[in-house]
Structure formats: structure tokens, C-alpha cells
Amino acid sequence: MSFTIMQKLSLQRLIPDQPLLTIIRNAKKKTGGSTRNRIGHTRPKHRGWKVQDSHYVSEGTILATQRTTRFHPGLNVGFGRNGTLFAMEHGKVYVTCEIADPNWDHTWIQNNYASRQGQTLYKKYFNVIPEEQHQRFRLIDEI
């Protein structure tokens, strides 16, 4: 008896008047995996020395990048708006530790050394010594 009831139910399901509904449920989002760059963890900025002591550089080469004034510009070295030190001449780089005499009118100096005014400051200075010229000029005409 139960067999005949099952046959009737299965026949009712296959009647062409009623549409055959198939429901497939898909996930809206993928599963959340771990990420390496979380909030507050930005990419590294790679600040610091770019050129070591006694290396030869060309004009415009970046010598160091910094957020605060760790390094100071010396002979033939420029100081960018974001604290970047760059070479202004072709030559050899020399890094020296000297007594700092900062320009207290500069905003970078005021922000970083305001509490140390009047103290002796020792800082690293980047210097670029130009290469000597060859001195093999030929006299063309006297004036």
C-alpha cells in the first residue's frame, strides 16, 4: 500500500502542468582569509641612507631620505622640502660627524630641536667633494 502511494507522489511531481523548480543556493561572498596588510600597517617607506661613504655620485642623486633631521646637508648637498638630501655636484660622498650649528629659522629645525636649543648637537653631515678637473685646456685666443 505504501508502495502505491509513493508511485502516485512521484507521478504528481512529473506532471507537465507544474514547472519543475530547482533551487541552487550560491554564496554571496567568498570566505574571508587572512590578509597581510591590515589597517594601520602600511607599506615600508625605505627611508635612510641611499649612498654609502666614499661612493661616487652624479648631480641630483638622492643621498638620504628621512622624516626627521637625522642627517644634515654639508658641502655641495641640497635639502629638499620633505627632508631628502641630494647631491648638487658630481663627486665623492663623505659622511662626517660634526657639531651641528642648525639654522633655527628653518621650520624643520624648529619642529625637531626646539627643546634642545642652546645644547651641543652632534649630527651626521653628508658632503660631496667634486672631482678635480683634468686641467688640459688648450689656449685658443688671447684677449
N, C-alpha and C. Protein backbone atom coordinates (compact mmCIF):
# COMPACT_ATOMS: atom_id res chain seq x y z
N MET A 1 0.81 -1.18 0.00
CA MET A 1 0.00 0.00 0.00
C MET A 1 0.87 1.26 0.00
N SER A 2 1.88 1.24 0.78
CA SER A 2 2.76 2.39 0.81
C SER A 2 3.49 2.54 -0.53
N PHE A 3 3.68 1.42 -1.20
CA PHE A 3 4.34 1.49 -2.49
C PHE A 3 3.49 2.22 -3.52
N THR A 4 2.21 2.00 -3.51
CA THR A 4 1.32 2.69 -4.46
C THR A 4 1.22 4.17 -4.16
N ILE A 5 1.27 4.52 -2.90
CA ILE A 5 1.22 5.94 -2.54
C ILE A 5 2.49 6.64 -3.04
N MET A 6 3.61 5.98 -2.91
CA MET A 6 4.88 6.55 -3.38
C MET A 6 4.86 6.72 -4.89
N GLN A 7 4.24 5.76 -5.60
CA GLN A 7 4.16 5.89 -7.05
C GLN A 7 3.31 7.08 -7.45
N LYS A 8 2.20 7.29 -6.74
CA LYS A 8 1.34 8.42 -7.05
C LYS A 8 2.06 9.75 -6.80
N LEU A 9 2.81 9.84 -5.71
CA LEU A 9 3.54 11.07 -5.41
C LEU A 9 4.61 11.36 -6.46
N SER A 10 5.30 10.32 -6.90
CA SER A 10 6.33 10.52 -7.90
C SER A 10 5.73 10.90 -9.24
N LEU A 11 4.52 10.38 -9.55
CA LEU A 11 3.86 10.75 -10.80
C LEU A 11 3.36 12.20 -10.74
N GLN A 12 2.93 12.62 -9.56
CA GLN A 12 2.47 14.01 -9.44
C GLN A 12 3.63 15.00 -9.66
N ARG A 13 4.79 14.61 -9.28
CA ARG A 13 5.94 15.50 -9.45
C ARG A 13 6.31 15.67 -10.92
N LEU A 14 6.02 14.71 -11.75
CA LEU A 14 6.41 14.76 -13.14
C LEU A 14 5.30 15.25 -14.07
N ILE A 15 4.22 15.77 -13.53
CA ILE A 15 3.12 16.27 -14.35
C ILE A 15 3.60 17.53 -15.06
N PRO A 16 3.39 17.65 -16.39
CA PRO A 16 3.91 18.79 -17.13
C PRO A 16 3.23 20.10 -16.81
N ASP A 17 2.05 20.10 -16.17
CA ASP A 17 1.39 21.36 -15.84
C ASP A 17 2.17 22.15 -14.79
N GLN A 18 2.85 21.46 -13.92
CA GLN A 18 3.58 22.12 -12.86
C GLN A 18 5.06 22.25 -13.26
N PRO A 19 5.63 23.43 -13.14
CA PRO A 19 7.06 23.57 -13.51
C PRO A 19 7.95 22.88 -12.48
N LEU A 20 9.01 22.35 -12.97
CA LEU A 20 9.98 21.68 -12.11
C LEU A 20 10.95 22.75 -11.58
N LEU A 21 10.92 23.01 -10.30
CA LEU A 21 11.75 24.05 -9.69
C LEU A 21 12.99 23.42 -9.07
N THR A 22 14.10 23.95 -9.46
CA THR A 22 15.34 23.53 -8.86
C THR A 22 16.00 24.77 -8.28
N ILE A 23 16.24 24.75 -7.00
CA ILE A 23 16.83 25.91 -6.33
C ILE A 23 18.26 25.57 -5.98
N ILE A 24 19.18 26.40 -6.47
CA ILE A 24 20.59 26.25 -6.14
C ILE A 24 21.01 27.51 -5.41
N ARG A 25 21.56 27.34 -4.26
CA ARG A 25 21.95 28.48 -3.45
C ARG A 25 23.47 28.64 -3.51
N ASN A 26 23.92 29.82 -3.95
CA ASN A 26 25.35 30.11 -4.03
C ASN A 26 25.73 31.11 -2.94
N ALA A 27 26.98 31.09 -2.59
CA ALA A 27 27.46 32.03 -1.57
C ALA A 27 27.60 33.42 -2.17
N LYS A 28 27.22 34.43 -1.42
CA LYS A 28 27.36 35.80 -1.89
C LYS A 28 28.81 36.26 -1.83
N LYS A 29 29.51 35.88 -0.79
CA LYS A 29 30.88 36.31 -0.60
C LYS A 29 31.76 35.09 -0.41
N LYS A 30 33.02 35.29 -0.77
CA LYS A 30 33.98 34.21 -0.51
C LYS A 30 34.31 34.20 0.97
N THR A 31 34.89 33.13 1.40
CA THR A 31 35.28 33.06 2.81
C THR A 31 36.42 34.03 3.05
N GLY A 32 36.41 34.67 4.18
CA GLY A 32 37.43 35.67 4.48
C GLY A 32 38.72 35.03 4.94
N GLY A 33 39.75 35.16 4.13
CA GLY A 33 41.06 34.66 4.50
C GLY A 33 41.85 35.75 5.19
N SER A 34 43.02 35.42 5.67
CA SER A 34 43.84 36.41 6.36
C SER A 34 44.54 37.29 5.32
N THR A 35 44.73 38.56 5.67
CA THR A 35 45.44 39.49 4.79
C THR A 35 46.71 39.93 5.48
N ARG A 36 47.67 40.31 4.68
CA ARG A 36 48.95 40.74 5.26
C ARG A 36 48.95 42.22 5.61
N ASN A 37 48.27 43.03 4.82
CA ASN A 37 48.24 44.47 5.08
C ASN A 37 46.95 44.81 5.82
N ARG A 38 47.02 44.80 7.10
CA ARG A 38 45.84 45.14 7.91
C ARG A 38 45.77 46.65 8.09
N ILE A 39 44.72 47.11 8.70
CA ILE A 39 44.55 48.53 8.92
C ILE A 39 45.66 49.03 9.85
N GLY A 40 46.30 50.10 9.45
CA GLY A 40 47.37 50.66 10.25
C GLY A 40 48.74 50.11 9.91
N HIS A 41 48.81 49.11 9.04
CA HIS A 41 50.09 48.52 8.65
C HIS A 41 50.32 48.87 7.18
N THR A 42 50.98 50.00 6.92
CA THR A 42 51.20 50.44 5.56
C THR A 42 52.50 49.86 5.04
N ARG A 43 52.74 50.08 3.78
CA ARG A 43 53.95 49.57 3.16
C ARG A 43 55.16 50.32 3.70
N PRO A 44 56.33 49.69 3.74
CA PRO A 44 57.53 50.37 4.24
C PRO A 44 57.96 51.49 3.29
N LYS A 45 58.55 52.52 3.84
CA LYS A 45 58.94 53.68 3.06
C LYS A 45 60.41 53.64 2.63
N HIS A 46 61.20 52.75 3.18
CA HIS A 46 62.61 52.57 2.82
C HIS A 46 63.40 53.86 3.01
N ARG A 47 63.25 54.46 4.17
CA ARG A 47 64.00 55.69 4.46
C ARG A 47 65.38 55.34 4.97
N GLY A 48 66.29 56.29 4.87
CA GLY A 48 67.64 56.10 5.39
C GLY A 48 68.68 56.44 4.33
N TRP A 49 69.89 55.91 4.51
CA TRP A 49 71.00 56.16 3.60
C TRP A 49 70.73 55.48 2.27
N LYS A 50 70.95 56.19 1.19
CA LYS A 50 70.86 55.60 -0.14
C LYS A 50 72.23 55.40 -0.76
N VAL A 51 73.20 56.23 -0.34
CA VAL A 51 74.56 56.14 -0.85
C VAL A 51 75.50 56.08 0.35
N GLN A 52 76.44 55.15 0.32
CA GLN A 52 77.38 54.98 1.43
C GLN A 52 78.57 55.94 1.28
N ASP A 53 79.35 55.99 2.33
CA ASP A 53 80.52 56.84 2.38
C ASP A 53 81.53 56.40 1.32
N SER A 54 82.21 57.35 0.70
CA SER A 54 83.27 57.19 -0.30
C SER A 54 82.78 56.62 -1.63
N HIS A 55 81.49 56.72 -1.94
CA HIS A 55 80.98 56.35 -3.26
C HIS A 55 80.92 57.58 -4.14
N TYR A 56 81.06 57.36 -5.44
CA TYR A 56 80.96 58.46 -6.40
C TYR A 56 79.50 58.61 -6.83
N VAL A 57 79.04 59.86 -6.90
CA VAL A 57 77.66 60.14 -7.28
C VAL A 57 77.65 61.21 -8.36
N SER A 58 76.55 61.26 -9.09
CA SER A 58 76.36 62.32 -10.07
C SER A 58 75.42 63.37 -9.50
N GLU A 59 75.27 64.45 -10.21
CA GLU A 59 74.44 65.56 -9.75
C GLU A 59 72.97 65.12 -9.69
N GLY A 60 72.30 65.43 -8.59
CA GLY A 60 70.88 65.09 -8.43
C GLY A 60 70.62 63.75 -7.79
N THR A 61 71.66 63.00 -7.45
CA THR A 61 71.48 61.70 -6.81
C THR A 61 70.98 61.87 -5.39
N ILE A 62 69.97 61.08 -5.00
CA ILE A 62 69.45 61.14 -3.64
C ILE A 62 70.42 60.42 -2.71
N LEU A 63 70.85 61.12 -1.68
CA LEU A 63 71.82 60.55 -0.73
C LEU A 63 71.13 59.93 0.47
N ALA A 64 70.05 60.54 0.97
CA ALA A 64 69.34 60.01 2.13
C ALA A 64 67.91 60.56 2.14
N THR A 65 66.98 59.74 2.66
CA THR A 65 65.61 60.19 2.88
C THR A 65 65.31 60.06 4.36
N GLN A 66 64.49 60.96 4.90
CA GLN A 66 64.27 60.99 6.34
C GLN A 66 62.96 61.69 6.66
N ARG A 67 62.39 61.35 7.82
CA ARG A 67 61.20 62.05 8.32
C ARG A 67 61.60 63.18 9.26
N THR A 68 62.59 62.92 10.08
CA THR A 68 63.12 63.96 10.96
C THR A 68 64.56 64.23 10.55
N THR A 69 65.16 65.28 11.07
CA THR A 69 66.50 65.67 10.62
C THR A 69 67.56 64.81 11.29
N ARG A 70 67.72 63.58 10.81
CA ARG A 70 68.81 62.72 11.28
C ARG A 70 70.12 63.11 10.61
N PHE A 71 70.04 63.46 9.32
CA PHE A 71 71.22 63.80 8.53
C PHE A 71 71.09 65.24 8.07
N HIS A 72 72.22 65.91 7.97
CA HIS A 72 72.23 67.33 7.59
C HIS A 72 73.03 67.51 6.31
N PRO A 73 72.68 68.53 5.52
CA PRO A 73 73.43 68.78 4.29
C PRO A 73 74.75 69.47 4.59
N GLY A 74 75.79 69.01 3.92
CA GLY A 74 77.10 69.63 4.05
C GLY A 74 77.48 70.33 2.74
N LEU A 75 78.73 70.19 2.35
CA LEU A 75 79.26 70.82 1.16
C LEU A 75 78.65 70.19 -0.09
N ASN A 76 78.10 70.99 -0.99
CA ASN A 76 77.51 70.56 -2.27
C ASN A 76 76.36 69.56 -2.11
N VAL A 77 75.59 69.69 -1.03
CA VAL A 77 74.44 68.82 -0.79
C VAL A 77 73.22 69.70 -0.56
N GLY A 78 72.10 69.37 -1.21
CA GLY A 78 70.87 70.13 -1.07
C GLY A 78 69.91 69.45 -0.10
N PHE A 79 68.98 70.24 0.44
CA PHE A 79 68.00 69.76 1.41
C PHE A 79 66.61 69.99 0.82
N GLY A 80 65.90 68.90 0.48
CA GLY A 80 64.58 69.02 -0.13
C GLY A 80 63.50 69.37 0.87
N ARG A 81 62.30 69.67 0.35
CA ARG A 81 61.19 70.06 1.22
C ARG A 81 60.75 68.92 2.13
N ASN A 82 60.90 67.67 1.68
CA ASN A 82 60.50 66.53 2.51
C ASN A 82 61.67 65.95 3.28
N GLY A 83 62.79 66.65 3.36
CA GLY A 83 63.93 66.19 4.13
C GLY A 83 64.93 65.37 3.35
N THR A 84 64.74 65.24 2.06
CA THR A 84 65.65 64.46 1.23
C THR A 84 66.96 65.21 1.02
N LEU A 85 68.07 64.50 1.18
CA LEU A 85 69.38 65.08 0.88
C LEU A 85 69.79 64.62 -0.52
N PHE A 86 70.25 65.54 -1.35
CA PHE A 86 70.63 65.19 -2.72
C PHE A 86 71.93 65.91 -3.09
N ALA A 87 72.66 65.29 -4.02
CA ALA A 87 73.95 65.85 -4.45
C ALA A 87 73.72 66.98 -5.43
N MET A 88 74.46 68.07 -5.26
CA MET A 88 74.36 69.20 -6.17
C MET A 88 75.53 69.25 -7.15
N GLU A 89 76.51 68.38 -6.99
CA GLU A 89 77.69 68.31 -7.85
C GLU A 89 78.06 66.85 -8.07
N HIS A 90 78.82 66.58 -9.13
CA HIS A 90 79.40 65.26 -9.31
C HIS A 90 80.58 65.15 -8.35
N GLY A 91 80.75 63.99 -7.73
CA GLY A 91 81.89 63.84 -6.85
C GLY A 91 81.77 62.67 -5.92
N LYS A 92 82.62 62.68 -4.89
CA LYS A 92 82.71 61.59 -3.93
C LYS A 92 82.00 61.98 -2.64
N VAL A 93 81.25 61.04 -2.08
CA VAL A 93 80.46 61.30 -0.87
C VAL A 93 81.33 61.04 0.36
N TYR A 94 81.29 61.99 1.29
CA TYR A 94 81.93 61.83 2.59
C TYR A 94 80.88 62.09 3.67
N VAL A 95 80.74 61.16 4.60
CA VAL A 95 79.81 61.33 5.72
C VAL A 95 80.65 61.62 6.96
N THR A 96 80.38 62.74 7.61
CA THR A 96 81.16 63.14 8.79
C THR A 96 80.24 63.39 9.96
N CYS A 97 80.76 63.25 11.16
CA CYS A 97 80.03 63.58 12.38
C CYS A 97 80.63 64.89 12.91
N GLU A 98 79.80 65.93 12.93
CA GLU A 98 80.28 67.26 13.29
C GLU A 98 79.34 67.89 14.31
N ILE A 99 79.84 68.95 14.92
CA ILE A 99 78.97 69.73 15.80
C ILE A 99 78.01 70.51 14.91
N ALA A 100 76.74 70.36 15.17
CA ALA A 100 75.72 70.98 14.33
C ALA A 100 75.49 72.42 14.76
N ASP A 101 75.40 73.29 13.79
CA ASP A 101 75.02 74.67 14.00
C ASP A 101 73.78 74.91 13.14
N PRO A 102 72.61 74.44 13.61
CA PRO A 102 71.42 74.49 12.75
C PRO A 102 70.88 75.91 12.57
N ASN A 103 70.19 76.09 11.47
CA ASN A 103 69.52 77.35 11.17
C ASN A 103 68.19 77.33 11.92
N TRP A 104 68.10 78.06 13.02
CA TRP A 104 66.91 78.00 13.89
C TRP A 104 65.69 78.64 13.25
N ASP A 105 65.85 79.34 12.12
CA ASP A 105 64.71 79.91 11.43
C ASP A 105 63.99 78.89 10.55
N HIS A 106 64.66 77.78 10.25
CA HIS A 106 64.08 76.75 9.38
C HIS A 106 63.01 75.96 10.15
N THR A 107 61.88 75.70 9.50
CA THR A 107 60.76 75.04 10.19
C THR A 107 61.11 73.61 10.60
N TRP A 108 61.92 72.90 9.79
CA TRP A 108 62.31 71.54 10.17
C TRP A 108 63.10 71.56 11.47
N ILE A 109 63.99 72.50 11.61
CA ILE A 109 64.83 72.58 12.81
C ILE A 109 63.97 72.95 14.01
N GLN A 110 63.04 73.87 13.84
CA GLN A 110 62.18 74.27 14.95
C GLN A 110 61.30 73.10 15.42
N ASN A 111 60.79 72.32 14.51
CA ASN A 111 59.92 71.19 14.89
C ASN A 111 60.67 70.10 15.62
N ASN A 112 61.93 69.87 15.26
CA ASN A 112 62.65 68.71 15.80
C ASN A 112 63.62 69.04 16.93
N TYR A 113 64.10 70.28 17.00
CA TYR A 113 65.12 70.61 18.00
C TYR A 113 64.72 71.77 18.91
N ALA A 114 63.45 72.04 19.03
CA ALA A 114 63.02 73.19 19.83
C ALA A 114 63.43 73.04 21.29
N SER A 115 63.36 71.83 21.83
CA SER A 115 63.70 71.62 23.24
C SER A 115 65.21 71.56 23.48
N ARG A 116 66.01 71.46 22.43
CA ARG A 116 67.46 71.30 22.59
C ARG A 116 68.24 72.55 22.20
N GLN A 117 67.56 73.68 22.15
CA GLN A 117 68.24 74.92 21.77
C GLN A 117 69.22 75.31 22.89
N GLY A 118 70.45 75.65 22.50
CA GLY A 118 71.49 76.01 23.46
C GLY A 118 72.39 74.83 23.82
N GLN A 119 72.03 73.60 23.46
CA GLN A 119 72.87 72.42 23.73
C GLN A 119 73.78 72.16 22.54
N THR A 120 74.85 71.39 22.79
CA THR A 120 75.76 70.99 21.71
C THR A 120 75.16 69.79 21.00
N LEU A 121 74.95 69.92 19.68
CA LEU A 121 74.37 68.85 18.88
C LEU A 121 75.44 68.26 17.98
N TYR A 122 75.58 66.94 18.00
CA TYR A 122 76.46 66.23 17.08
C TYR A 122 75.58 65.52 16.06
N LYS A 123 75.81 65.80 14.79
CA LYS A 123 74.99 65.22 13.73
C LYS A 123 75.85 64.73 12.59
N LYS A 124 75.26 63.83 11.79
CA LYS A 124 75.92 63.32 10.60
C LYS A 124 75.67 64.29 9.45
N TYR A 125 76.74 64.67 8.78
CA TYR A 125 76.67 65.57 7.64
C TYR A 125 77.09 64.82 6.38
N PHE A 126 76.32 64.98 5.32
CA PHE A 126 76.67 64.44 4.01
C PHE A 126 77.38 65.53 3.22
N ASN A 127 78.57 65.23 2.71
CA ASN A 127 79.35 66.17 1.91
C ASN A 127 79.67 65.50 0.57
N VAL A 128 79.66 66.27 -0.49
CA VAL A 128 80.07 65.78 -1.81
C VAL A 128 81.26 66.63 -2.25
N ILE A 129 82.41 65.98 -2.38
CA ILE A 129 83.63 66.66 -2.80
C ILE A 129 83.75 66.49 -4.31
N PRO A 130 83.76 67.58 -5.09
CA PRO A 130 83.83 67.44 -6.55
C PRO A 130 85.16 66.84 -7.00
N GLU A 131 85.08 66.11 -8.11
CA GLU A 131 86.30 65.54 -8.68
C GLU A 131 87.13 66.67 -9.30
N GLU A 132 88.43 66.50 -9.28
CA GLU A 132 89.30 67.53 -9.87
C GLU A 132 89.17 67.49 -11.38
N GLN A 133 89.23 68.66 -12.00
CA GLN A 133 89.18 68.71 -13.45
C GLN A 133 90.55 68.36 -14.02
N HIS A 134 90.58 68.01 -15.27
CA HIS A 134 91.80 67.48 -15.87
C HIS A 134 92.87 68.53 -16.14
N GLN A 135 92.55 69.81 -16.24
CA GLN A 135 93.50 70.90 -16.46
C GLN A 135 94.28 70.74 -17.77
N ARG A 136 93.67 70.18 -18.80
CA ARG A 136 94.33 70.01 -20.10
C ARG A 136 93.66 70.90 -21.14
N PHE A 137 93.53 72.15 -20.84
CA PHE A 137 92.89 73.08 -21.76
C PHE A 137 93.93 73.66 -22.72
N ARG A 138 93.52 73.91 -23.93
CA ARG A 138 94.40 74.48 -24.92
C ARG A 138 94.01 75.93 -25.17
N LEU A 139 94.97 76.83 -25.18
CA LEU A 139 94.70 78.23 -25.38
C LEU A 139 94.40 78.47 -26.86
N ILE A 140 93.23 79.03 -27.12
CA ILE A 140 92.82 79.27 -28.49
C ILE A 140 93.14 80.70 -28.89
N ASP A 141 92.79 81.65 -28.04
CA ASP A 141 93.00 83.05 -28.41
C ASP A 141 93.11 83.87 -27.13
N GLU A 142 94.00 84.82 -27.13
CA GLU A 142 94.15 85.73 -26.00
C GLU A 142 93.32 86.96 -26.25
N ILE A 143 92.80 87.53 -25.19
CA ILE A 143 92.00 88.74 -25.30
C ILE A 143 92.86 89.94 -25.00
